[in-house]
Structure formats: C-alpha cells, structure tokens
Protein backbone atom coordinates (compact mmCIF):
# COMPACT_ATOMS: atom_id res chain seq x y z
CA MET A 1 7.20 9.50 21.51
CA SER A 2 5.26 7.27 19.13
CA ASP A 3 3.90 3.87 20.05
CA LEU A 4 6.34 2.08 17.76
CA GLU A 5 9.35 3.88 19.21
CA LYS A 6 9.28 2.35 22.68
CA GLY A 7 12.84 1.63 23.25
CA ARG A 8 15.55 4.26 23.23
CA VAL A 9 17.80 2.62 25.80
CA GLU A 10 19.69 4.92 28.13
CA HIS A 11 22.57 3.93 30.36
CA ASN A 12 21.68 4.42 34.05
CA GLU A 13 23.48 7.27 35.79
CA VAL A 14 26.20 6.30 38.27
CA ALA A 15 24.96 6.59 41.84
CA THR A 16 26.66 9.35 43.88
CA ALA A 17 25.37 8.57 47.35
CA GLU A 18 28.39 6.51 48.36
CA LEU A 19 30.76 9.11 46.95
CA ASN A 20 29.14 11.86 48.98
CA ALA A 21 29.27 9.71 52.11
CA ASN A 22 32.98 9.06 51.60
CA ARG A 23 33.72 12.77 51.26
CA THR A 24 32.27 13.40 54.72
CA ARG A 25 34.30 10.73 56.52
CA GLY A 26 37.49 12.79 56.91
CA ALA A 27 41.15 12.16 56.18
CA GLY A 28 41.60 9.27 58.60
CA SER A 29 38.77 7.10 57.41
CA ALA A 30 40.40 5.80 54.26
CA PRO A 31 43.94 5.14 52.98
CA HIS A 32 45.72 7.65 50.80
CA VAL A 33 46.55 6.85 47.20
CA ASN A 34 49.58 8.75 45.95
CA GLY A 35 48.92 11.47 48.53
CA HIS A 36 45.27 11.90 47.56
CA HIS A 37 42.10 10.58 49.04
CA PRO A 38 40.30 8.24 46.63
CA TRP A 39 37.05 10.19 46.90
CA ASN A 40 38.82 13.28 45.61
CA GLN A 41 39.53 11.58 42.32
CA PRO A 42 37.23 12.46 39.42
CA LEU A 43 34.39 9.99 39.03
CA ALA A 44 34.28 8.40 35.57
CA ILE A 45 30.72 8.65 34.29
CA LYS A 46 29.86 6.88 31.07
CA PRO A 47 28.03 9.01 28.51
CA VAL A 48 24.37 8.38 27.90
CA THR A 49 23.91 5.80 25.15
CA ARG A 50 21.02 6.28 22.75
CA LEU A 51 19.93 3.83 20.10
CA GLY A 52 18.45 5.26 16.93
CA ASN A 53 14.89 4.42 15.96
CA PRO A 54 14.97 1.53 13.43
CA VAL A 55 11.25 1.80 12.62
CA PRO A 56 11.58 4.25 9.66
CA LEU A 57 14.16 1.96 8.04
CA GLY A 58 11.89 -1.04 8.39
CA LEU A 59 8.86 0.81 7.04
CA THR A 60 10.62 2.41 4.08
CA SER A 61 12.25 -0.89 3.14
CA PHE A 62 8.89 -2.62 3.24
CA ALA A 63 7.17 0.21 1.35
CA SER A 64 9.75 0.39 -1.44
CA THR A 65 9.75 -3.35 -2.10
CA THR A 66 5.95 -3.55 -2.00
CA LEU A 67 5.76 -0.62 -4.41
CA VAL A 68 7.98 -2.27 -7.02
CA LEU A 69 6.18 -5.62 -6.76
CA SER A 70 2.79 -3.91 -7.00
CA PHE A 71 3.93 -2.05 -10.12
CA CYS A 72 4.65 -5.45 -11.65
CA ASN A 73 1.32 -6.87 -10.52
CA VAL A 74 -0.63 -4.08 -12.22
CA GLN A 75 1.67 -4.39 -15.27
CA THR A 76 2.86 -0.79 -15.15
CA ARG A 77 4.59 0.21 -18.40
CA GLY A 78 3.87 -3.26 -19.76
CA VAL A 79 6.09 -5.05 -17.21
CA THR A 80 4.59 -8.51 -16.58
CA GLU A 81 7.51 -10.49 -15.16
CA PRO A 82 8.16 -9.86 -11.44
CA ASN A 83 11.84 -10.89 -11.58
CA ILE A 84 12.94 -7.25 -11.43
CA VAL A 85 11.86 -7.24 -7.80
CA VAL A 86 14.33 -9.98 -6.79
CA GLY A 87 17.11 -7.52 -6.00
CA MET A 88 14.72 -5.41 -3.94
CA THR A 89 13.43 -8.39 -2.02
CA LEU A 90 16.93 -9.61 -1.21
CA PHE A 91 18.54 -6.39 -0.03
CA VAL A 92 15.83 -3.81 0.70
CA GLY A 93 12.74 -5.69 1.81
CA GLY A 94 14.81 -8.62 3.03
CA LEU A 95 18.17 -7.63 4.51
CA ALA A 96 17.44 -4.02 5.51
CA GLN A 97 14.05 -4.85 7.02
CA PHE A 98 15.43 -7.87 8.87
CA LEU A 99 18.19 -5.73 10.36
CA ALA A 100 15.61 -3.14 11.41
CA GLY A 101 13.80 -5.93 13.23
CA MET A 102 16.95 -7.09 14.98
CA TRP A 103 17.80 -3.52 16.04
CA SER A 104 14.30 -3.13 17.46
CA PHE A 105 15.01 -5.79 20.09
CA PRO A 106 17.65 -3.79 22.02
CA CYS A 107 15.33 -0.77 21.74
CA GLY A 108 12.75 -2.74 23.71
CA ASN A 109 10.24 -2.65 20.85
CA THR A 110 9.11 -6.27 20.67
CA TYR A 111 6.28 -5.59 18.25
CA ALA A 112 8.45 -3.82 15.68
CA ALA A 113 11.13 -6.48 16.11
CA THR A 114 8.61 -9.23 15.37
CA VAL A 115 6.99 -7.46 12.42
CA PHE A 116 10.14 -6.33 10.63
CA SER A 117 12.10 -9.52 11.23
CA ALA A 118 9.22 -11.68 10.00
CA TYR A 119 8.46 -9.62 6.90
CA GLY A 120 12.17 -9.43 6.18
CA THR A 121 12.29 -13.21 6.04
CA PHE A 122 9.14 -13.16 3.89
CA TRP A 123 10.89 -11.09 1.25
CA LEU A 124 14.02 -13.22 1.41
CA SER A 125 12.02 -16.42 0.99
CA TYR A 126 9.96 -14.85 -1.81
CA ALA A 127 13.13 -13.88 -3.67
CA SER A 128 14.49 -17.42 -3.37
CA ILE A 129 11.53 -18.69 -5.42
CA PHE A 130 12.72 -16.74 -8.47
CA ILE A 131 16.43 -17.54 -8.12
CA PRO A 132 17.14 -20.40 -10.59
CA SER A 133 19.82 -21.99 -8.42
CA THR A 134 17.25 -22.81 -5.73
CA GLY A 135 15.40 -25.10 -8.17
CA ILE A 136 12.01 -24.10 -6.78
CA LEU A 137 10.45 -23.02 -10.07
CA ALA A 138 12.14 -25.87 -11.94
CA ALA A 139 10.49 -28.37 -9.61
CA TYR A 140 7.08 -27.24 -10.89
CA ALA A 141 8.02 -27.03 -14.57
CA ASP A 142 5.90 -30.07 -15.48
CA VAL A 143 3.02 -29.19 -13.11
CA PRO A 144 2.29 -25.46 -13.52
CA ASP A 145 -1.06 -25.78 -11.77
CA GLN A 146 0.71 -26.99 -8.66
CA LEU A 147 2.99 -23.96 -8.84
CA HIS A 148 0.01 -21.59 -8.66
CA ASN A 149 -1.50 -23.52 -5.76
CA ALA A 150 1.85 -23.67 -3.97
CA LEU A 151 2.32 -19.92 -4.35
CA GLY A 152 -1.22 -19.42 -3.11
CA LEU A 153 -0.48 -21.44 0.01
CA PHE A 154 2.72 -19.49 0.54
CA ILE A 155 0.92 -16.15 0.31
CA ILE A 156 -2.12 -17.18 2.37
CA THR A 157 0.24 -18.10 5.22
CA TRP A 158 1.43 -14.49 5.31
CA PHE A 159 -2.16 -13.30 5.17
CA ILE A 160 -2.78 -15.23 8.39
CA PHE A 161 0.36 -13.79 9.97
CA THR A 162 -0.70 -10.27 8.99
CA ILE A 163 -4.09 -10.76 10.62
CA LEU A 164 -2.32 -11.76 13.84
CA MET A 165 -0.10 -8.67 13.66
CA LEU A 166 -3.20 -6.55 13.00
CA ILE A 167 -4.85 -7.85 16.16
CA ALA A 168 -1.70 -7.03 18.13
CA ALA A 169 -1.66 -3.50 16.65
CA LEU A 170 -5.19 -2.51 17.62
CA ARG A 171 -3.90 -0.37 20.51
CA LEU A 172 -1.01 1.22 18.58
CA ASN A 173 -2.26 3.92 16.22
CA VAL A 174 -4.70 4.37 13.36
CA GLY A 175 -2.04 4.81 10.68
CA PHE A 176 -0.39 1.49 11.36
CA ILE A 177 -3.73 -0.30 11.65
CA VAL A 178 -4.86 1.02 8.25
CA MET A 179 -1.58 -0.07 6.68
CA LEU A 180 -1.97 -3.60 8.03
CA VAL A 181 -5.59 -3.79 6.86
CA PHE A 182 -4.53 -2.97 3.31
CA LEU A 183 -1.58 -5.37 3.58
CA ALA A 184 -3.87 -8.20 4.68
CA ALA A 185 -6.20 -7.42 1.76
CA THR A 186 -3.21 -7.46 -0.61
CA PHE A 187 -2.08 -10.88 0.58
CA LEU A 188 -5.61 -12.25 0.39
CA LEU A 189 -6.19 -11.02 -3.16
CA LEU A 190 -2.82 -12.27 -4.39
CA ALA A 191 -3.43 -15.68 -2.81
CA ILE A 192 -6.86 -15.93 -4.48
CA ALA A 193 -5.29 -14.82 -7.75
CA GLU A 194 -2.83 -17.71 -7.56
CA PHE A 195 -5.53 -20.25 -6.65
CA GLN A 196 -7.75 -19.03 -9.50
CA ASN A 197 -4.88 -18.19 -11.87
CA SER A 198 -6.62 -14.87 -12.45
CA LEU A 199 -4.83 -11.89 -13.94
CA ALA A 200 -7.68 -9.54 -13.01
CA ILE A 201 -7.44 -10.45 -9.31
CA THR A 202 -3.65 -10.12 -9.47
CA LYS A 203 -4.07 -6.58 -10.77
CA ALA A 204 -6.58 -5.86 -8.01
CA GLY A 205 -4.04 -7.10 -5.47
CA GLY A 206 -1.47 -4.86 -7.11
CA VAL A 207 -3.69 -1.80 -6.71
CA ILE A 208 -4.25 -2.53 -3.02
CA GLY A 209 -0.53 -3.18 -2.71
CA LEU A 210 0.19 0.30 -4.07
CA ILE A 211 -2.06 1.79 -1.39
CA THR A 212 -0.29 -0.34 1.21
CA SER A 213 3.11 0.94 0.13
CA PHE A 214 1.99 4.57 0.29
CA MET A 215 0.56 4.00 3.77
CA ALA A 216 3.89 2.48 4.84
CA TYR A 217 5.71 5.54 3.47
CA TYR A 218 3.34 7.77 5.41
CA CYS A 219 3.98 5.87 8.66
CA ALA A 220 7.73 6.01 8.04
CA MET A 221 7.65 9.77 7.53
CA ALA A 222 5.52 10.18 10.66
CA GLU A 223 8.28 8.38 12.57
CA LEU A 224 11.02 10.54 11.02
CA LEU A 225 9.36 13.95 11.36
CA LYS A 226 9.88 14.61 15.05
CA PRO A 227 8.89 17.99 16.53
CA GLU A 228 12.43 18.73 17.69
CA ASP A 229 13.92 18.10 14.23
CA SER A 230 11.22 19.02 11.70
CA TRP A 231 9.11 21.97 10.63
CA PHE A 232 5.95 19.86 10.75
CA THR A 233 4.73 16.43 11.84
CA LEU A 234 2.28 13.88 10.47
CA PRO A 235 -0.58 12.62 12.63
CA MET A 236 -0.81 8.88 13.21
CA GLY A 237 -4.04 8.85 15.18
CA ASN A 238 -2.74 7.69 18.55
CA ILE A 239 -5.07 5.45 20.52
CA PRO A 240 -5.39 5.98 24.30
CA LYS A 241 -3.65 3.31 26.34
CA ARG A 242 -5.16 1.26 29.12
CA LEU A 243 -4.76 2.80 32.54
CA ASP A 244 -4.87 -0.45 34.53
C-alpha cells in the first residue's frame, strides 16, 4: 500500500465470544423465542466496507488543469489568453479535486485531504478572477500595474503553502516530493512574472508547469496500477519510515 493511500476503512468484525458462550449454557439458561433459543438464530454480520482511493482522482484533476494552464502560459498554438482554463479550474481542478480531498478524510489520509482540498479551493478562487460577474478584473481596469502585483501576491501565497506541503511530504515518497518541488518552482516563477510583468518568465513558469503536470500524471498512474489489478506497476521511490 502506498504512503498516500493510508485509509481504506474496514468495518470491524462482530465479536463471537458471547455467542459461543451462550451456546454452551444449555436450554434452561435463556428464554425461548418462538420455540428456538436466541443463540441458534443466524448472526447478522455486516459486510466489510471499503472506501475507494481518492488520490488518483485528485492527482489527475490537478495534472489536467495544470497542463491546460501551462499550455496557455507557454502560448502553445498561439493561445495567449488563459480564459480557456476557467472551465477546467471550476470543475476539474476545483470541484473534482476538492471532492477528492473531502473523501480522503474518511479514508484516514489527512495529508491527501489537506493537499487536495486546499488546491481545489486554489483553482476555484483562480477561476473566480476571470469570471466577469465577480468584478475582480474590473476593479483593476484603471490600475493594471496593481493587477499584476495583486496576482503576484495571490500566487506567492500558494508558493508558501506548497513549501509547507513539501516539508510535510519529505517522508512520503520520491515521486511526490519531486512533483511538489516542480510545483513550488512553478508558483515562484509565475509570481515573479506577475511582479515583473515579464512574458519570458511566464513562459519559463509554463515550462516548469508542464513538467509538474506530467509528474502528477505519473504519481496518479502509480496509485492506479496496483499489483493485484495491473500487468505492471510504477515505482514511486518509497522512503523508509521511522521505527520509533
């Protein structure tokens, strides 16, 4: 089981000690129910409940949205306006990733729950900037320099958050650590690009963002390709855990 998949919750089995004790007491030790002893009745045992692993959903949602945004940042096929990513940020990077985070809580995976829920809200808040009805862009219409600085502050906040998540991931696995390193570099470059209003740095951030998205896809596939279900698996570089 991978480090990110900590929490497949199973229902505890019903204890049978009392049932076995009752069966040895004899006919006179308990009242009859419709001519039958109660311990002779079949014991209702609830089936084992398993929660699916939400990590691949969170990673693929993050990877797909980052990929589209990075394509825009490097101006692939001449696309310069990032508005095409709004739908992705709302429903894929936002809603789907947020739900993956919420589902990670009952699985007992606090780290995945924190990461996916937080980045889900990042994408939702990022999308709201480009929705005209929010009035965010309109508020900076007369002060475009403030818009770049405001976006820079918005992005640098998520750079700080990513660094914190990177520190918390240092005992998870190499694959996830590498992905977070590239993600932190992406946020940092994009924040600097906004502060400097530099297209070249934006493109550099887009290139690193492309690498980040491919790393996220890799981690997602590593989570999906389990030995019992797949012909092959992908190594994640597991890190030994503390023994104390």
